[in-house]
Amino acid sequence: MALKGNFYQAKAHCESMGARLAAVDDEEEHTFIRQYIMADEARNATSWFTAATDEASEGTWVLSGWGDIPAPFTAWGPDEPNNNGGNQDCVQYHKVTKLFDDVQCSYSINFICETEAT
């Protein structure tokens, strides 16, 4: 389903469903998410929050909600992360490049939740 919210609302919504914001662990998961986003034109037209943030320490990307462990995989778009305006502490999949882009956590965009495989 396609829901929108800021980073904190997105995180809370995922957690209310017994899930967490998506933590991109490796190239395989990155490819899976990119294919998922590209498979639906409506989803392809938006941006999506992931669990990565550097809110606690600029330039140190961790996975919020995952014990704040270091983000194991980043696929930054060209010239990213750039902390444009000095307040870009959250990571989105950029709608055009399908790569990571740092954005303000207050933006209201779609988000990706994930659960452990059963």
PDB file of N, CA and C in Angstrom:
ATOM      1  N   MET A   1       0.835  -1.169   0.000  1.00  0.00           N
ATOM      2  CA  MET A   1       0.000   0.000   0.000  1.00  0.00           C
ATOM      3  C   MET A   1       0.880   1.233   0.000  1.00  0.00           C
ATOM      4  N   ALA A   2       0.388   2.303  -0.540  1.00  0.00           N
ATOM      5  CA  ALA A   2       1.162   3.524  -0.628  1.00  0.00           C
ATOM      6  C   ALA A   2       0.656   4.522   0.403  1.00  0.00           C
ATOM      7  N   LEU A   3       1.441   4.729   1.441  1.00  0.00           N
ATOM      8  CA  LEU A   3       1.138   5.711   2.473  1.00  0.00           C
ATOM      9  C   LEU A   3       2.241   6.747   2.485  1.00  0.00           C
ATOM     10  N   LYS A   4       1.905   7.947   2.936  1.00  0.00           N
ATOM     11  CA  LYS A   4       2.903   9.002   3.050  1.00  0.00           C
ATOM     12  C   LYS A   4       2.987   9.472   4.484  1.00  0.00           C
ATOM     13  N   GLY A   5       4.159   9.949   4.856  1.00  0.00           N
ATOM     14  CA  GLY A   5       4.365  10.544   6.161  1.00  0.00           C
ATOM     15  C   GLY A   5       5.790  11.032   6.259  1.00  0.00           C
ATOM     16  N   ASN A   6       6.069  11.792   7.326  1.00  0.00           N
ATOM     17  CA  ASN A   6       7.459  12.174   7.531  1.00  0.00           C
ATOM     18  C   ASN A   6       8.205  10.959   8.085  1.00  0.00           C
ATOM     19  N   PHE A   7       9.491  11.076   8.282  1.00  0.00           N
ATOM     20  CA  PHE A   7      10.313   9.941   8.705  1.00  0.00           C
ATOM     21  C   PHE A   7       9.804   9.327  10.009  1.00  0.00           C
ATOM     22  N   TYR A   8       9.442  10.169  10.957  1.00  0.00           N
ATOM     23  CA  TYR A   8       9.017   9.690  12.273  1.00  0.00           C
ATOM     24  C   TYR A   8       7.653   9.011  12.198  1.00  0.00           C
ATOM     25  N   GLN A   9       6.747   9.570  11.393  1.00  0.00           N
ATOM     26  CA  GLN A   9       5.444   8.935  11.189  1.00  0.00           C
ATOM     27  C   GLN A   9       5.614   7.603  10.464  1.00  0.00           C
ATOM     28  N   ALA A  10       6.499   7.579   9.488  1.00  0.00           N
ATOM     29  CA  ALA A  10       6.751   6.355   8.733  1.00  0.00           C
ATOM     30  C   ALA A  10       7.293   5.263   9.649  1.00  0.00           C
ATOM     31  N   LYS A  11       8.266   5.634  10.460  1.00  0.00           N
ATOM     32  CA  LYS A  11       8.862   4.676  11.398  1.00  0.00           C
ATOM     33  C   LYS A  11       7.802   4.143  12.362  1.00  0.00           C
ATOM     34  N   ALA A  12       6.986   5.038  12.907  1.00  0.00           N
ATOM     35  CA  ALA A  12       5.935   4.635  13.848  1.00  0.00           C
ATOM     36  C   ALA A  12       4.900   3.735  13.172  1.00  0.00           C
ATOM     37  N   HIS A  13       4.548   4.059  11.927  1.00  0.00           N
ATOM     38  CA  HIS A  13       3.564   3.242  11.216  1.00  0.00           C
ATOM     39  C   HIS A  13       4.108   1.831  10.982  1.00  0.00           C
ATOM     40  N   CYS A  14       5.330   1.734  10.520  1.00  0.00           N
ATOM     41  CA  CYS A  14       5.930   0.411  10.304  1.00  0.00           C
ATOM     42  C   CYS A  14       5.932  -0.380  11.607  1.00  0.00           C
ATOM     43  N   GLU A  15       6.353   0.260  12.683  1.00  0.00           N
ATOM     44  CA  GLU A  15       6.432  -0.420  13.978  1.00  0.00           C
ATOM     45  C   GLU A  15       5.053  -0.839  14.473  1.00  0.00           C
ATOM     46  N   SER A  16       4.015  -0.064  14.160  1.00  0.00           N
ATOM     47  CA  SER A  16       2.653  -0.425  14.581  1.00  0.00           C
ATOM     48  C   SER A  16       2.166  -1.687  13.872  1.00  0.00           C
ATOM     49  N   MET A  17       2.786  -2.026  12.749  1.00  0.00           N
ATOM     50  CA  MET A  17       2.436  -3.236  12.005  1.00  0.00           C
ATOM     51  C   MET A  17       3.388  -4.392  12.316  1.00  0.00           C
ATOM     52  N   GLY A  18       4.279  -4.206  13.291  1.00  0.00           N
ATOM     53  CA  GLY A  18       5.245  -5.253  13.610  1.00  0.00           C
ATOM     54  C   GLY A  18       6.382  -5.311  12.613  1.00  0.00           C
ATOM     55  N   ALA A  19       6.633  -4.204  11.930  1.00  0.00           N
ATOM     56  CA  ALA A  19       7.691  -4.120  10.920  1.00  0.00           C
ATOM     57  C   ALA A  19       8.630  -2.977  11.281  1.00  0.00           C
ATOM     58  N   ARG A  20       9.582  -2.707  10.416  1.00  0.00           N
ATOM     59  CA  ARG A  20      10.502  -1.576  10.576  1.00  0.00           C
ATOM     60  C   ARG A  20      10.706  -0.926   9.218  1.00  0.00           C
ATOM     61  N   LEU A  21      11.145   0.328   9.228  1.00  0.00           N
ATOM     62  CA  LEU A  21      11.526   0.941   7.959  1.00  0.00           C
ATOM     63  C   LEU A  21      12.598   0.072   7.314  1.00  0.00           C
ATOM     64  N   ALA A  22      12.577  -0.010   6.015  1.00  0.00           N
ATOM     65  CA  ALA A  22      13.479  -0.898   5.288  1.00  0.00           C
ATOM     66  C   ALA A  22      14.938  -0.541   5.529  1.00  0.00           C
ATOM     67  N   ALA A  23      15.708  -1.558   5.839  1.00  0.00           N
ATOM     68  CA  ALA A  23      17.159  -1.444   5.981  1.00  0.00           C
ATOM     69  C   ALA A  23      17.764  -2.155   4.776  1.00  0.00           C
ATOM     70  N   VAL A  24      18.395  -1.407   3.903  1.00  0.00           N
ATOM     71  CA  VAL A  24      18.971  -1.996   2.700  1.00  0.00           C
ATOM     72  C   VAL A  24      20.331  -2.582   3.074  1.00  0.00           C
ATOM     73  N   ASP A  25      20.389  -3.905   3.085  1.00  0.00           N
ATOM     74  CA  ASP A  25      21.572  -4.611   3.587  1.00  0.00           C
ATOM     75  C   ASP A  25      22.664  -4.846   2.552  1.00  0.00           C
ATOM     76  N   ASP A  26      22.268  -4.975   1.287  1.00  0.00           N
ATOM     77  CA  ASP A  26      23.253  -5.349   0.273  1.00  0.00           C
ATOM     78  C   ASP A  26      22.715  -5.051  -1.124  1.00  0.00           C
ATOM     79  N   GLU A  27      23.520  -5.320  -2.124  1.00  0.00           N
ATOM     80  CA  GLU A  27      23.148  -5.062  -3.513  1.00  0.00           C
ATOM     81  C   GLU A  27      21.910  -5.858  -3.920  1.00  0.00           C
ATOM     82  N   GLU A  28      21.777  -7.074  -3.414  1.00  0.00           N
ATOM     83  CA  GLU A  28      20.624  -7.909  -3.760  1.00  0.00           C
ATOM     84  C   GLU A  28      19.312  -7.260  -3.285  1.00  0.00           C
ATOM     85  N   GLU A  29      19.304  -6.784  -2.040  1.00  0.00           N
ATOM     86  CA  GLU A  29      18.100  -6.129  -1.528  1.00  0.00           C
ATOM     87  C   GLU A  29      17.854  -4.802  -2.241  1.00  0.00           C
ATOM     88  N   HIS A  30      18.915  -4.082  -2.524  1.00  0.00           N
ATOM     89  CA  HIS A  30      18.806  -2.824  -3.275  1.00  0.00           C
ATOM     90  C   HIS A  30      18.151  -3.076  -4.632  1.00  0.00           C
ATOM     91  N   THR A  31      18.601  -4.102  -5.331  1.00  0.00           N
ATOM     92  CA  THR A  31      18.039  -4.445  -6.639  1.00  0.00           C
ATOM     93  C   THR A  31      16.573  -4.834  -6.511  1.00  0.00           C
ATOM     94  N   PHE A  32      16.240  -5.611  -5.481  1.00  0.00           N
ATOM     95  CA  PHE A  32      14.852  -6.021  -5.259  1.00  0.00           C
ATOM     96  C   PHE A  32      13.954  -4.802  -5.063  1.00  0.00           C
ATOM     97  N   ILE A  33      14.373  -3.871  -4.218  1.00  0.00           N
ATOM     98  CA  ILE A  33      13.560  -2.681  -3.949  1.00  0.00           C
ATOM     99  C   ILE A  33      13.434  -1.817  -5.198  1.00  0.00           C
ATOM    100  N   ARG A  34      14.514  -1.643  -5.927  1.00  0.00           N
ATOM    101  CA  ARG A  34      14.453  -0.857  -7.167  1.00  0.00           C
ATOM    102  C   ARG A  34      13.465  -1.472  -8.146  1.00  0.00           C
ATOM    103  N   GLN A  35      13.491  -2.799  -8.292  1.00  0.00           N
ATOM    104  CA  GLN A  35      12.563  -3.467  -9.204  1.00  0.00           C
ATOM    105  C   GLN A  35      11.123  -3.308  -8.729  1.00  0.00           C
ATOM    106  N   TYR A  36      10.925  -3.392  -7.420  1.00  0.00           N
ATOM    107  CA  TYR A  36       9.596  -3.224  -6.851  1.00  0.00           C
ATOM    108  C   TYR A  36       9.058  -1.827  -7.145  1.00  0.00           C
ATOM    109  N   ILE A  37       9.867  -0.811  -6.938  1.00  0.00           N
ATOM    110  CA  ILE A  37       9.449   0.563  -7.189  1.00  0.00           C
ATOM    111  C   ILE A  37       9.177   0.781  -8.671  1.00  0.00           C
ATOM    112  N   MET A  38      10.031   0.270  -9.535  1.00  0.00           N
ATOM    113  CA  MET A  38       9.873   0.484 -10.977  1.00  0.00           C
ATOM    114  C   MET A  38       8.712  -0.301 -11.568  1.00  0.00           C
ATOM    115  N   ALA A  39       8.247  -1.363 -10.879  1.00  0.00           N
ATOM    116  CA  ALA A  39       7.195  -2.215 -11.413  1.00  0.00           C
ATOM    117  C   ALA A  39       5.829  -1.535 -11.444  1.00  0.00           C
ATOM    118  N   ASP A  40       5.651  -0.486 -10.686  1.00  0.00           N
ATOM    119  CA  ASP A  40       4.363   0.189 -10.590  1.00  0.00           C
ATOM    120  C   ASP A  40       4.564   1.666 -10.897  1.00  0.00           C
ATOM    121  N   GLU A  41       3.937   2.119 -11.961  1.00  0.00           N
ATOM    122  CA  GLU A  41       4.125   3.511 -12.394  1.00  0.00           C
ATOM    123  C   GLU A  41       3.735   4.502 -11.305  1.00  0.00           C
ATOM    124  N   ALA A  42       2.694   4.211 -10.525  1.00  0.00           N
ATOM    125  CA  ALA A  42       2.288   5.127  -9.443  1.00  0.00           C
ATOM    126  C   ALA A  42       3.389   5.219  -8.394  1.00  0.00           C
ATOM    127  N   ARG A  43       3.970   4.087  -8.023  1.00  0.00           N
ATOM    128  CA  ARG A  43       5.056   4.105  -7.049  1.00  0.00           C
ATOM    129  C   ARG A  43       6.300   4.755  -7.649  1.00  0.00           C
ATOM    130  N   ASN A  44       6.500   4.571  -8.927  1.00  0.00           N
ATOM    131  CA  ASN A  44       7.673   5.104  -9.609  1.00  0.00           C
ATOM    132  C   ASN A  44       7.675   6.633  -9.593  1.00  0.00           C
ATOM    133  N   ALA A  45       6.527   7.242  -9.345  1.00  0.00           N
ATOM    134  CA  ALA A  45       6.424   8.699  -9.410  1.00  0.00           C
ATOM    135  C   ALA A  45       6.670   9.374  -8.066  1.00  0.00           C
ATOM    136  N   THR A  46       7.078   8.607  -7.059  1.00  0.00           N
ATOM    137  CA  THR A  46       7.273   9.192  -5.737  1.00  0.00           C
ATOM    138  C   THR A  46       8.638   8.810  -5.186  1.00  0.00           C
ATOM    139  N   SER A  47       8.913   9.263  -3.984  1.00  0.00           N
ATOM    140  CA  SER A  47      10.137   8.905  -3.270  1.00  0.00           C
ATOM    141  C   SER A  47       9.762   8.107  -2.041  1.00  0.00           C
ATOM    142  N   TRP A  48      10.721   7.336  -1.514  1.00  0.00           N
ATOM    143  CA  TRP A  48      10.446   6.400  -0.435  1.00  0.00           C
ATOM    144  C   TRP A  48      11.503   6.506   0.655  1.00  0.00           C
ATOM    145  N   PHE A  49      11.080   6.678   1.920  1.00  0.00           N
ATOM    146  CA  PHE A  49      12.019   6.657   3.041  1.00  0.00           C
ATOM    147  C   PHE A  49      12.551   5.251   3.280  1.00  0.00           C
ATOM    148  N   THR A  50      13.816   5.174   3.707  1.00  0.00           N
ATOM    149  CA  THR A  50      14.397   3.948   4.244  1.00  0.00           C
ATOM    150  C   THR A  50      14.733   4.221   5.710  1.00  0.00           C
ATOM    151  N   ALA A  51      15.346   3.259   6.388  1.00  0.00           N
ATOM    152  CA  ALA A  51      15.661   3.404   7.816  1.00  0.00           C
ATOM    153  C   ALA A  51      16.920   4.226   8.078  1.00  0.00           C
ATOM    154  N   ALA A  52      17.684   4.538   7.056  1.00  0.00           N
ATOM    155  CA  ALA A  52      18.975   5.194   7.266  1.00  0.00           C
ATOM    156  C   ALA A  52      18.820   6.671   7.639  1.00  0.00           C
ATOM    157  N   THR A  53      19.623   7.085   8.630  1.00  0.00           N
ATOM    158  CA  THR A  53      19.631   8.477   9.084  1.00  0.00           C
ATOM    159  C   THR A  53      21.001   8.824   9.655  1.00  0.00           C
ATOM    160  N   ASP A  54      21.362  10.092   9.538  1.00  0.00           N
ATOM    161  CA  ASP A  54      22.581  10.576  10.208  1.00  0.00           C
ATOM    162  C   ASP A  54      22.228  11.701  11.171  1.00  0.00           C
ATOM    163  N   GLU A  55      21.002  11.652  11.684  1.00  0.00           N
ATOM    164  CA  GLU A  55      20.502  12.691  12.576  1.00  0.00           C
ATOM    165  C   GLU A  55      21.351  12.833  13.842  1.00  0.00           C
ATOM    166  N   ALA A  56      21.854  11.738  14.377  1.00  0.00           N
ATOM    167  CA  ALA A  56      22.632  11.789  15.622  1.00  0.00           C
ATOM    168  C   ALA A  56      24.037  12.330  15.398  1.00  0.00           C
ATOM    169  N   SER A  57      24.620  12.029  14.231  1.00  0.00           N
ATOM    170  CA  SER A  57      25.986  12.459  13.940  1.00  0.00           C
ATOM    171  C   SER A  57      26.148  12.622  12.432  1.00  0.00           C
ATOM    172  N   GLU A  58      26.288  13.861  12.003  1.00  0.00           N
ATOM    173  CA  GLU A  58      26.365  14.171  10.572  1.00  0.00           C
ATOM    174  C   GLU A  58      27.417  13.312   9.868  1.00  0.00           C
ATOM    175  N   GLY A  59      26.959  12.632   8.807  1.00  0.00           N
ATOM    176  CA  GLY A  59      27.859  11.818   7.993  1.00  0.00           C
ATOM    177  C   GLY A  59      28.009  10.380   8.472  1.00  0.00           C
ATOM    178  N   THR A  60      27.445  10.060   9.648  1.00  0.00           N
ATOM    179  CA  THR A  60      27.483   8.697  10.160  1.00  0.00           C
ATOM    180  C   THR A  60      26.088   8.107  10.001  1.00  0.00           C
ATOM    181  N   TRP A  61      25.901   7.305   8.960  1.00  0.00           N
ATOM    182  CA  TRP A  61      24.593   6.767   8.609  1.00  0.00           C
ATOM    183  C   TRP A  61      24.327   5.477   9.379  1.00  0.00           C
ATOM    184  N   VAL A  62      23.224   5.481  10.130  1.00  0.00           N
ATOM    185  CA  VAL A  62      22.821   4.321  10.918  1.00  0.00           C
ATOM    186  C   VAL A  62      21.391   3.945  10.548  1.00  0.00           C
ATOM    187  N   LEU A  63      20.988   2.751  10.980  1.00  0.00           N
ATOM    188  CA  LEU A  63      19.647   2.259  10.701  1.00  0.00           C
ATOM    189  C   LEU A  63      18.754   2.471  11.914  1.00  0.00           C
ATOM    190  N   SER A  64      17.922   3.492  11.865  1.00  0.00           N
ATOM    191  CA  SER A  64      17.012   3.807  12.960  1.00  0.00           C
ATOM    192  C   SER A  64      15.974   2.693  13.088  1.00  0.00           C
ATOM    193  N   GLY A  65      15.785   2.244  14.313  1.00  0.00           N
ATOM    194  CA  GLY A  65      14.838   1.166  14.553  1.00  0.00           C
ATOM    195  C   GLY A  65      15.453  -0.217  14.462  1.00  0.00           C
ATOM    196  N   TRP A  66      16.707  -0.265  14.061  1.00  0.00           N
ATOM    197  CA  TRP A  66      17.429  -1.526  13.929  1.00  0.00           C
ATOM    198  C   TRP A  66      18.587  -1.548  14.925  1.00  0.00           C
ATOM    199  N   GLY A  67      18.427  -0.858  16.041  1.00  0.00           N
ATOM    200  CA  GLY A  67      19.484  -0.782  17.040  1.00  0.00           C
ATOM    201  C   GLY A  67      20.543   0.243  16.682  1.00  0.00           C
ATOM    202  N   ASP A  68      20.186   1.151  15.759  1.00  0.00           N
ATOM    203  CA  ASP A  68      21.107   2.196  15.300  1.00  0.00           C
ATOM    204  C   ASP A  68      22.471   1.642  14.887  1.00  0.00           C
ATOM    205  N   ILE A  69      22.443   0.477  14.222  1.00  0.00           N
ATOM    206  CA  ILE A  69      23.686  -0.101  13.689  1.00  0.00           C
ATOM    207  C   ILE A  69      24.106   0.669  12.445  1.00  0.00           C
ATOM    208  N   PRO A  70      25.383   0.679  12.107  1.00  0.00           N
ATOM    209  CA  PRO A  70      25.819   1.367  10.895  1.00  0.00           C
ATOM    210  C   PRO A  70      25.088   0.827   9.664  1.00  0.00           C
ATOM    211  N   ALA A  71      24.709   1.724   8.777  1.00  0.00           N
ATOM    212  CA  ALA A  71      24.055   1.308   7.537  1.00  0.00           C
ATOM    213  C   ALA A  71      25.044   0.476   6.721  1.00  0.00           C
ATOM    214  N   PRO A  72      24.737  -0.800   6.469  1.00  0.00           N
ATOM    215  CA  PRO A  72      25.698  -1.680   5.822  1.00  0.00           C
ATOM    216  C   PRO A  72      25.850  -1.456   4.320  1.00  0.00           C
ATOM    217  N   PHE A  73      24.881  -0.759   3.705  1.00  0.00           N
ATOM    218  CA  PHE A  73      24.906  -0.590   2.257  1.00  0.00           C
ATOM    219  C   PHE A  73      24.338   0.776   1.918  1.00  0.00           C
ATOM    220  N   THR A  74      25.019   1.498   1.070  1.00  0.00           N
ATOM    221  CA  THR A  74      24.494   2.759   0.557  1.00  0.00           C
ATOM    222  C   THR A  74      24.722   2.803  -0.948  1.00  0.00           C
ATOM    223  N   ALA A  75      23.731   3.285  -1.650  1.00  0.00           N
ATOM    224  CA  ALA A  75      23.805   3.427  -3.106  1.00  0.00           C
ATOM    225  C   ALA A  75      23.442   4.868  -3.433  1.00  0.00           C
ATOM    226  N   TRP A  76      24.362   5.755  -3.119  1.00  0.00           N
ATOM    227  CA  TRP A  76      24.088   7.179  -3.280  1.00  0.00           C
ATOM    228  C   TRP A  76      24.000   7.567  -4.750  1.00  0.00           C
ATOM    229  N   GLY A  77      23.075   8.477  -5.024  1.00  0.00           N
ATOM    230  CA  GLY A  77      22.977   9.065  -6.346  1.00  0.00           C
ATOM    231  C   GLY A  77      24.137  10.020  -6.564  1.00  0.00           C
ATOM    232  N   PRO A  78      24.261  10.552  -7.782  1.00  0.00           N
ATOM    233  CA  PRO A  78      25.335  11.496  -8.083  1.00  0.00           C
ATOM    234  C   PRO A  78      25.325  12.683  -7.119  1.00  0.00           C
ATOM    235  N   ASP A  79      26.486  13.029  -6.600  1.00  0.00           N
ATOM    236  CA  ASP A  79      26.675  14.166  -5.693  1.00  0.00           C
ATOM    237  C   ASP A  79      25.898  14.041  -4.381  1.00  0.00           C
ATOM    238  N   GLU A  80      25.585  12.836  -3.966  1.00  0.00           N
ATOM    239  CA  GLU A  80      24.890  12.589  -2.702  1.00  0.00           C
ATOM    240  C   GLU A  80      25.785  11.773  -1.779  1.00  0.00           C
ATOM    241  N   PRO A  81      25.627  11.853  -0.480  1.00  0.00           N
ATOM    242  CA  PRO A  81      24.755  12.794   0.219  1.00  0.00           C
ATOM    243  C   PRO A  81      25.365  14.187   0.206  1.00  0.00           C
ATOM    244  N   ASN A  82      24.512  15.190   0.151  1.00  0.00           N
ATOM    245  CA  ASN A  82      25.036  16.558   0.076  1.00  0.00           C
ATOM    246  C   ASN A  82      24.587  17.451   1.232  1.00  0.00           C
ATOM    247  N   ASN A  83      23.693  16.966   2.077  1.00  0.00           N
ATOM    248  CA  ASN A  83      23.209  17.745   3.216  1.00  0.00           C
ATOM    249  C   ASN A  83      22.808  19.162   2.799  1.00  0.00           C
ATOM    250  N   ASN A  84      22.173  19.259   1.647  1.00  0.00           N
ATOM    251  CA  ASN A  84      21.760  20.538   1.084  1.00  0.00           C
ATOM    252  C   ASN A  84      20.894  21.304   2.081  1.00  0.00           C
ATOM    253  N   GLY A  85      21.313  22.477   2.441  1.00  0.00           N
ATOM    254  CA  GLY A  85      20.594  23.295   3.406  1.00  0.00           C
ATOM    255  C   GLY A  85      20.943  22.964   4.852  1.00  0.00           C
ATOM    256  N   GLY A  86      21.801  21.968   5.061  1.00  0.00           N
ATOM    257  CA  GLY A  86      22.273  21.645   6.397  1.00  0.00           C
ATOM    258  C   GLY A  86      21.325  20.844   7.260  1.00  0.00           C
ATOM    259  N   ASN A  87      20.242  20.346   6.703  1.00  0.00           N
ATOM    260  CA  ASN A  87      19.282  19.624   7.536  1.00  0.00           C
ATOM    261  C   ASN A  87      18.735  18.390   6.831  1.00  0.00           C
ATOM    262  N   GLN A  88      19.547  17.731   6.035  1.00  0.00           N
ATOM    263  CA  GLN A  88      19.111  16.526   5.335  1.00  0.00           C
ATOM    264  C   GLN A  88      19.681  15.314   6.064  1.00  0.00           C
ATOM    265  N   ASP A  89      18.893  14.764   6.977  1.00  0.00           N
ATOM    266  CA  ASP A  89      19.373  13.704   7.852  1.00  0.00           C
ATOM    267  C   ASP A  89      18.727  12.350   7.608  1.00  0.00           C
ATOM    268  N   CYS A  90      17.851  12.240   6.621  1.00  0.00           N
ATOM    269  CA  CYS A  90      17.187  10.970   6.336  1.00  0.00           C
ATOM    270  C   CYS A  90      17.445  10.566   4.884  1.00  0.00           C
ATOM    271  N   VAL A  91      17.250   9.286   4.612  1.00  0.00           N
ATOM    272  CA  VAL A  91      17.543   8.754   3.284  1.00  0.00           C
ATOM    273  C   VAL A  91      16.258   8.317   2.592  1.00  0.00           C
ATOM    274  N   GLN A  92      16.141   8.734   1.343  1.00  0.00           N
ATOM    275  CA  GLN A  92      15.041   8.299   0.495  1.00  0.00           C
ATOM    276  C   GLN A  92      15.611   7.614  -0.744  1.00  0.00           C
ATOM    277  N   TYR A  93      14.800   6.761  -1.359  1.00  0.00           N
ATOM    278  CA  TYR A  93      15.077   6.339  -2.725  1.00  0.00           C
ATOM    279  C   TYR A  93      14.581   7.467  -3.594  1.00  0.00           C
ATOM    280  N   HIS A  94      15.460   8.051  -4.385  1.00  0.00           N
ATOM    281  CA  HIS A  94      15.091   9.172  -5.242  1.00  0.00           C
ATOM    282  C   HIS A  94      14.216   8.680  -6.378  1.00  0.00           C
ATOM    283  N   LYS A  95      13.173   9.424  -6.689  1.00  0.00           N
ATOM    284  CA  LYS A  95      12.176   8.990  -7.663  1.00  0.00           C
ATOM    285  C   LYS A  95      12.712   8.849  -9.085  1.00  0.00           C
ATOM    286  N   VAL A  96      13.737   9.560  -9.439  1.00  0.00           N
ATOM    287  CA  VAL A  96      14.249   9.488 -10.809  1.00  0.00           C
ATOM    288  C   VAL A  96      15.393   8.496 -10.917  1.00  0.00           C
ATOM    289  N   THR A  97      16.368   8.601 -10.023  1.00  0.00           N
ATOM    290  CA  THR A  97      17.572   7.777 -10.150  1.00  0.00           C
ATOM    291  C   THR A  97      17.425   6.378  -9.577  1.00  0.00           C
ATOM    292  N   LYS A  98      16.455   6.170  -8.683  1.00  0.00           N
ATOM    293  CA  LYS A  98      16.295   4.913  -7.939  1.00  0.00           C
ATOM    294  C   LYS A  98      17.525   4.634  -7.087  1.00  0.00           C
ATOM    295  N   LEU A  99      18.197   5.710  -6.690  1.00  0.00           N
ATOM    296  CA  LEU A  99      19.364   5.634  -5.820  1.00  0.00           C
ATOM    297  C   LEU A  99      19.079   6.453  -4.567  1.00  0.00           C
ATOM    298  N   PHE A 100      19.977   6.385  -3.602  1.00  0.00           N
ATOM    299  CA  PHE A 100      19.795   7.089  -2.338  1.00  0.00           C
ATOM    300  C   PHE A 100      20.044   8.587  -2.488  1.00  0.00           C
ATOM    301  N   ASP A 101      19.285   9.342  -1.702  1.00  0.00           N
ATOM    302  CA  ASP A 101      19.380  10.796  -1.673  1.00  0.00           C
ATOM    303  C   ASP A 101      19.077  11.210  -0.239  1.00  0.00           C
ATOM    304  N   ASP A 102      19.885  12.103   0.333  1.00  0.00           N
ATOM    305  CA  ASP A 102      19.570  12.585   1.669  1.00  0.00           C
ATOM    306  C   ASP A 102      18.548  13.715   1.572  1.00  0.00           C
ATOM    307  N   VAL A 103      17.557  13.666   2.458  1.00  0.00           N
ATOM    308  CA  VAL A 103      16.457  14.638   2.463  1.00  0.00           C
ATOM    309  C   VAL A 103      16.127  15.018   3.896  1.00  0.00           C
ATOM    310  N   GLN A 104      15.325  16.049   4.053  1.00  0.00           N
ATOM    311  CA  GLN A 104      14.865  16.430   5.384  1.00  0.00           C
ATOM    312  C   GLN A 104      13.896  15.373   5.906  1.00  0.00           C
ATOM    313  N   CYS A 105      14.053  15.025   7.164  1.00  0.00           N
ATOM    314  CA  CYS A 105      13.197  14.015   7.795  1.00  0.00           C
ATOM    315  C   CYS A 105      11.748  14.475   7.894  1.00  0.00           C
ATOM    316  N   SER A 106      11.518  15.781   7.787  1.00  0.00           N
ATOM    317  CA  SER A 106      10.166  16.328   7.901  1.00  0.00           C
ATOM    318  C   SER A 106       9.367  16.226   6.610  1.00  0.00           C
ATOM    319  N   TYR A 107      10.017  15.874   5.498  1.00  0.00           N
ATOM    320  CA  TYR A 107       9.284  15.727   4.241  1.00  0.00           C
ATOM    321  C   TYR A 107       8.229  14.647   4.383  1.00  0.00           C
ATOM    322  N   SER A 108       7.116  14.804   3.707  1.00  0.00           N
ATOM    323  CA  SER A 108       6.068  13.790   3.696  1.00  0.00           C
ATOM    324  C   SER A 108       6.155  13.039   2.369  1.00  0.00           C
ATOM    325  N   ILE A 109       6.692  11.821   2.439  1.00  0.00           N
ATOM    326  CA  ILE A 109       6.846  10.989   1.247  1.00  0.00           C
ATOM    327  C   ILE A 109       6.424   9.562   1.594  1.00  0.00           C
ATOM    328  N   ASN A 110       6.406   8.706   0.594  1.00  0.00           N
ATOM    329  CA  ASN A 110       6.093   7.301   0.834  1.00  0.00           C
ATOM    330  C   ASN A 110       7.229   6.668   1.625  1.00  0.00           C
ATOM    331  N   PHE A 111       7.008   5.455   2.083  1.00  0.00           N
ATOM    332  CA  PHE A 111       8.036   4.756   2.844  1.00  0.00           C
ATOM    333  C   PHE A 111       7.919   3.259   2.630  1.00  0.00           C
ATOM    334  N   ILE A 112       8.991   2.560   2.936  1.00  0.00           N
ATOM    335  CA  ILE A 112       9.060   1.126   2.729  1.00  0.00           C
ATOM    336  C   ILE A 112       9.246   0.454   4.085  1.00  0.00           C
ATOM    337  N   CYS A 113       8.307  -0.432   4.429  1.00  0.00           N
ATOM    338  CA  CYS A 113       8.426  -1.221   5.659  1.00  0.00           C
ATOM    339  C   CYS A 113       8.918  -2.627   5.291  1.00  0.00           C
ATOM    340  N   GLU A 114       9.582  -3.248   6.232  1.00  0.00           N
ATOM    341  CA  GLU A 114       9.966  -4.647   6.019  1.00  0.00           C
ATOM    342  C   GLU A 114       9.819  -5.431   7.304  1.00  0.00           C
ATOM    343  N   THR A 115       9.613  -6.722   7.143  1.00  0.00           N
ATOM    344  CA  THR A 115       9.538  -7.639   8.267  1.00  0.00           C
ATOM    345  C   THR A 115      10.533  -8.763   8.042  1.00  0.00           C
ATOM    346  N   GLU A 116      10.821  -9.481   9.093  1.00  0.00           N
ATOM    347  CA  GLU A 116      11.706 -10.639   8.970  1.00  0.00           C
ATOM    348  C   GLU A 116      10.980 -11.732   8.202  1.00  0.00           C
ATOM    349  N   ALA A 117      11.713 -12.455   7.378  1.00  0.00           N
ATOM    350  CA  ALA A 117      11.137 -13.576   6.636  1.00  0.00           C
ATOM    351  C   ALA A 117      10.738 -14.675   7.611  1.00  0.00           C
ATOM    352  N   THR A 118       9.607 -15.302   7.341  1.00  0.00           N
ATOM    353  CA  THR A 118       9.164 -16.401   8.214  1.00  0.00           C
ATOM    354  C   THR A 118       9.120 -17.698   7.459  1.00  0.00           C
TER     355      THR A 118
END
